[in-house]
Amino acid sequence: MPVVDNKRPVNLDIGTIKLPITSYVSILHRVSGVVLFFSVAIFLWMLESSLASEESFNQLAETFNNPICQFIIWGSLAALAYHAVAGIRHLIMDMGYGEDSFESGRNSARAAVVLALVVIALITWWIL
């Protein structure tokens, strides 16, 4: 019969769990990938609309004046920026750089977040 250790701590309150920054970067990388999956449909529809005719191109241009549409495009581009930066971080780590200690992984995660925020700020400036 297996022995159950009743002395180990059990934390079932997800709001109190403290994750390291590397975990947040990894989780956000996955979330941004899901957002990109759905964004592909939006971008393909936009491409098709822009190439169908001059009238549909003008209608698409008018759609971009809608704040909701601008927010959706911004969110899609922000997810693309974050996913690209985090993906490059993973590629660099796959080559063996930044894997030697937890501290180097933490520093590369911080650098990825800062770089992604800079790129997202540029995207925000470009859209607005």
C-alpha atoms as a PDB file:
ATOM      1  CA  MET A   1       0.000   0.000   0.000  1.00  0.00           C
ATOM      2  CA  PRO A   2       1.462   3.445  -0.906  1.00  0.00           C
ATOM      3  CA  VAL A   3       2.490   5.703   1.933  1.00  0.00           C
ATOM      4  CA  VAL A   4       0.855   9.144   1.921  1.00  0.00           C
ATOM      5  CA  ASP A   5       2.895  12.014   3.363  1.00  0.00           C
ATOM      6  CA  ASN A   6       0.385  14.277   5.122  1.00  0.00           C
ATOM      7  CA  LYS A   7       3.079  16.714   6.277  1.00  0.00           C
ATOM      8  CA  ARG A   8       3.829  18.294   2.923  1.00  0.00           C
ATOM      9  CA  PRO A   9       2.261  21.689   2.246  1.00  0.00           C
ATOM     10  CA  VAL A  10      -0.670  21.899  -0.120  1.00  0.00           C
ATOM     11  CA  ASN A  11      -1.544  25.257  -1.616  1.00  0.00           C
ATOM     12  CA  LEU A  12      -4.780  25.176  -3.558  1.00  0.00           C
ATOM     13  CA  ASP A  13      -5.299  28.946  -3.683  1.00  0.00           C
ATOM     14  CA  ILE A  14      -3.979  29.899  -7.125  1.00  0.00           C
ATOM     15  CA  GLY A  15      -4.062  33.580  -6.214  1.00  0.00           C
ATOM     16  CA  THR A  16      -1.347  33.160  -3.610  1.00  0.00           C
ATOM     17  CA  ILE A  17       1.100  31.147  -5.718  1.00  0.00           C
ATOM     18  CA  LYS A  18       4.199  33.200  -6.551  1.00  0.00           C
ATOM     19  CA  LEU A  19       5.660  32.225  -9.911  1.00  0.00           C
ATOM     20  CA  PRO A  20       9.042  33.382 -11.179  1.00  0.00           C
ATOM     21  CA  ILE A  21       9.195  35.757 -14.148  1.00  0.00           C
ATOM     22  CA  THR A  22      10.310  32.909 -16.389  1.00  0.00           C
ATOM     23  CA  SER A  23       6.944  31.227 -15.793  1.00  0.00           C
ATOM     24  CA  TYR A  24       5.003  34.359 -16.692  1.00  0.00           C
ATOM     25  CA  VAL A  25       7.068  34.825 -19.866  1.00  0.00           C
ATOM     26  CA  SER A  26       6.394  31.217 -20.856  1.00  0.00           C
ATOM     27  CA  ILE A  27       2.655  31.441 -20.130  1.00  0.00           C
ATOM     28  CA  LEU A  28       2.332  34.720 -22.050  1.00  0.00           C
ATOM     29  CA  HIS A  29       4.249  33.184 -24.954  1.00  0.00           C
ATOM     30  CA  ARG A  30       1.649  30.430 -25.165  1.00  0.00           C
ATOM     31  CA  VAL A  31      -1.258  32.873 -24.817  1.00  0.00           C
ATOM     32  CA  SER A  32       0.164  35.104 -27.544  1.00  0.00           C
ATOM     33  CA  GLY A  33       0.439  32.030 -29.780  1.00  0.00           C
ATOM     34  CA  VAL A  34      -3.263  31.299 -29.301  1.00  0.00           C
ATOM     35  CA  VAL A  35      -4.122  34.943 -30.062  1.00  0.00           C
ATOM     36  CA  LEU A  36      -2.017  34.737 -33.224  1.00  0.00           C
ATOM     37  CA  PHE A  37      -3.821  31.578 -34.293  1.00  0.00           C
ATOM     38  CA  PHE A  38      -7.117  33.457 -34.325  1.00  0.00           C
ATOM     39  CA  SER A  39      -5.535  36.631 -35.714  1.00  0.00           C
ATOM     40  CA  VAL A  40      -4.474  34.809 -38.865  1.00  0.00           C
ATOM     41  CA  ALA A  41      -8.133  34.602 -39.892  1.00  0.00           C
ATOM     42  CA  ILE A  42      -8.544  38.350 -39.397  1.00  0.00           C
ATOM     43  CA  PHE A  43      -5.395  39.174 -41.355  1.00  0.00           C
ATOM     44  CA  LEU A  44      -6.339  36.830 -44.206  1.00  0.00           C
ATOM     45  CA  TRP A  45      -9.798  38.398 -44.393  1.00  0.00           C
ATOM     46  CA  MET A  46      -8.185  41.853 -44.492  1.00  0.00           C
ATOM     47  CA  LEU A  47      -5.817  40.768 -47.258  1.00  0.00           C
ATOM     48  CA  GLU A  48      -8.643  39.266 -49.282  1.00  0.00           C
ATOM     49  CA  SER A  49     -10.785  42.382 -48.816  1.00  0.00           C
ATOM     50  CA  SER A  50      -7.990  44.713 -49.777  1.00  0.00           C
ATOM     51  CA  LEU A  51      -7.269  42.816 -52.992  1.00  0.00           C
ATOM     52  CA  ALA A  52     -10.837  42.057 -54.101  1.00  0.00           C
ATOM     53  CA  SER A  53     -11.700  45.473 -55.516  1.00  0.00           C
ATOM     54  CA  GLU A  54     -11.139  49.162 -55.037  1.00  0.00           C
ATOM     55  CA  GLU A  55     -14.508  49.476 -53.314  1.00  0.00           C
ATOM     56  CA  SER A  56     -13.769  46.714 -50.796  1.00  0.00           C
ATOM     57  CA  PHE A  57     -10.361  48.273 -50.168  1.00  0.00           C
ATOM     58  CA  ASN A  58     -12.030  51.603 -49.368  1.00  0.00           C
ATOM     59  CA  GLN A  59     -14.566  49.875 -47.090  1.00  0.00           C
ATOM     60  CA  LEU A  60     -11.703  48.184 -45.244  1.00  0.00           C
ATOM     61  CA  ALA A  61      -9.942  51.530 -44.875  1.00  0.00           C
ATOM     62  CA  GLU A  62     -13.146  52.989 -43.379  1.00  0.00           C
ATOM     63  CA  THR A  63     -13.353  50.051 -40.977  1.00  0.00           C
ATOM     64  CA  PHE A  64      -9.952  51.010 -39.576  1.00  0.00           C
ATOM     65  CA  ASN A  65     -11.454  54.248 -38.241  1.00  0.00           C
ATOM     66  CA  ASN A  66     -13.526  52.225 -35.775  1.00  0.00           C
ATOM     67  CA  PRO A  67     -11.816  52.121 -32.327  1.00  0.00           C
ATOM     68  CA  ILE A  68     -12.854  48.490 -31.791  1.00  0.00           C
ATOM     69  CA  CYS A  69     -11.206  47.497 -35.052  1.00  0.00           C
ATOM     70  CA  GLN A  70      -8.087  49.455 -34.128  1.00  0.00           C
ATOM     71  CA  PHE A  71      -7.971  47.673 -30.757  1.00  0.00           C
ATOM     72  CA  ILE A  72      -8.281  44.245 -32.393  1.00  0.00           C
ATOM     73  CA  ILE A  73      -5.489  45.055 -34.853  1.00  0.00           C
ATOM     74  CA  TRP A  74      -3.362  46.469 -32.026  1.00  0.00           C
ATOM     75  CA  GLY A  75      -3.932  43.349 -29.929  1.00  0.00           C
ATOM     76  CA  SER A  76      -3.029  41.087 -32.821  1.00  0.00           C
ATOM     77  CA  LEU A  77       0.148  43.027 -33.581  1.00  0.00           C
ATOM     78  CA  ALA A  78       1.077  43.214 -29.888  1.00  0.00           C
ATOM     79  CA  ALA A  79       0.676  39.434 -29.627  1.00  0.00           C
ATOM     80  CA  LEU A  80       2.824  39.034 -32.740  1.00  0.00           C
ATOM     81  CA  ALA A  81       5.528  41.282 -31.292  1.00  0.00           C
ATOM     82  CA  TYR A  82       5.587  39.518 -27.940  1.00  0.00           C
ATOM     83  CA  HIS A  83       5.505  36.064 -29.507  1.00  0.00           C
ATOM     84  CA  ALA A  84       8.374  36.941 -31.846  1.00  0.00           C
ATOM     85  CA  VAL A  85      10.559  38.350 -29.054  1.00  0.00           C
ATOM     86  CA  ALA A  86       9.866  35.408 -26.740  1.00  0.00           C
ATOM     87  CA  GLY A  87      10.424  32.993 -29.617  1.00  0.00           C
ATOM     88  CA  ILE A  88      13.809  34.519 -30.387  1.00  0.00           C
ATOM     89  CA  ARG A  89      14.664  34.182 -26.686  1.00  0.00           C
ATOM     90  CA  HIS A  90      13.775  30.498 -26.854  1.00  0.00           C
ATOM     91  CA  LEU A  91      15.854  30.020 -30.006  1.00  0.00           C
ATOM     92  CA  ILE A  92      18.859  31.631 -28.325  1.00  0.00           C
ATOM     93  CA  MET A  93      18.392  29.421 -25.278  1.00  0.00           C
ATOM     94  CA  ASP A  94      18.091  26.351 -27.554  1.00  0.00           C
ATOM     95  CA  MET A  95      21.549  27.199 -28.893  1.00  0.00           C
ATOM     96  CA  GLY A  96      22.855  26.889 -25.341  1.00  0.00           C
ATOM     97  CA  TYR A  97      23.121  30.540 -24.317  1.00  0.00           C
ATOM     98  CA  GLY A  98      21.537  31.653 -21.068  1.00  0.00           C
ATOM     99  CA  GLU A  99      20.830  28.167 -19.784  1.00  0.00           C
ATOM    100  CA  ASP A 100      23.687  27.852 -17.340  1.00  0.00           C
ATOM    101  CA  SER A 101      21.837  29.242 -14.312  1.00  0.00           C
ATOM    102  CA  PHE A 102      18.421  30.277 -13.128  1.00  0.00           C
ATOM    103  CA  GLU A 103      19.695  33.856 -12.872  1.00  0.00           C
ATOM    104  CA  SER A 104      20.614  33.996 -16.574  1.00  0.00           C
ATOM    105  CA  GLY A 105      17.185  32.629 -17.477  1.00  0.00           C
ATOM    106  CA  ARG A 106      15.571  35.264 -15.276  1.00  0.00           C
ATOM    107  CA  ASN A 107      17.668  38.015 -16.887  1.00  0.00           C
ATOM    108  CA  SER A 108      16.810  36.865 -20.411  1.00  0.00           C
ATOM    109  CA  ALA A 109      13.113  36.783 -19.445  1.00  0.00           C
ATOM    110  CA  ARG A 110      13.332  40.344 -18.140  1.00  0.00           C
ATOM    111  CA  ALA A 111      15.129  41.450 -21.305  1.00  0.00           C
ATOM    112  CA  ALA A 112      12.465  39.788 -23.452  1.00  0.00           C
ATOM    113  CA  VAL A 113       9.661  41.562 -21.568  1.00  0.00           C
ATOM    114  CA  VAL A 114      11.388  44.949 -21.832  1.00  0.00           C
ATOM    115  CA  LEU A 115      12.119  44.502 -25.539  1.00  0.00           C
ATOM    116  CA  ALA A 116       8.551  43.338 -26.196  1.00  0.00           C
ATOM    117  CA  LEU A 117       7.157  46.360 -24.347  1.00  0.00           C
ATOM    118  CA  VAL A 118       9.327  48.683 -26.452  1.00  0.00           C
ATOM    119  CA  VAL A 119       8.122  47.050 -29.669  1.00  0.00           C
ATOM    120  CA  ILE A 120       4.496  47.145 -28.480  1.00  0.00           C
ATOM    121  CA  ALA A 121       4.900  50.847 -27.611  1.00  0.00           C
ATOM    122  CA  LEU A 122       6.145  51.475 -31.170  1.00  0.00           C
ATOM    123  CA  ILE A 123       3.181  49.553 -32.563  1.00  0.00           C
ATOM    124  CA  THR A 124       0.843  51.622 -30.387  1.00  0.00           C
ATOM    125  CA  TRP A 125       2.390  54.843 -31.639  1.00  0.00           C
ATOM    126  CA  TRP A 126       2.102  53.608 -35.247  1.00  0.00           C
ATOM    127  CA  ILE A 127      -1.590  52.632 -34.914  1.00  0.00           C
ATOM    128  CA  LEU A 128      -2.668  55.763 -33.064  1.00  0.00           C
END
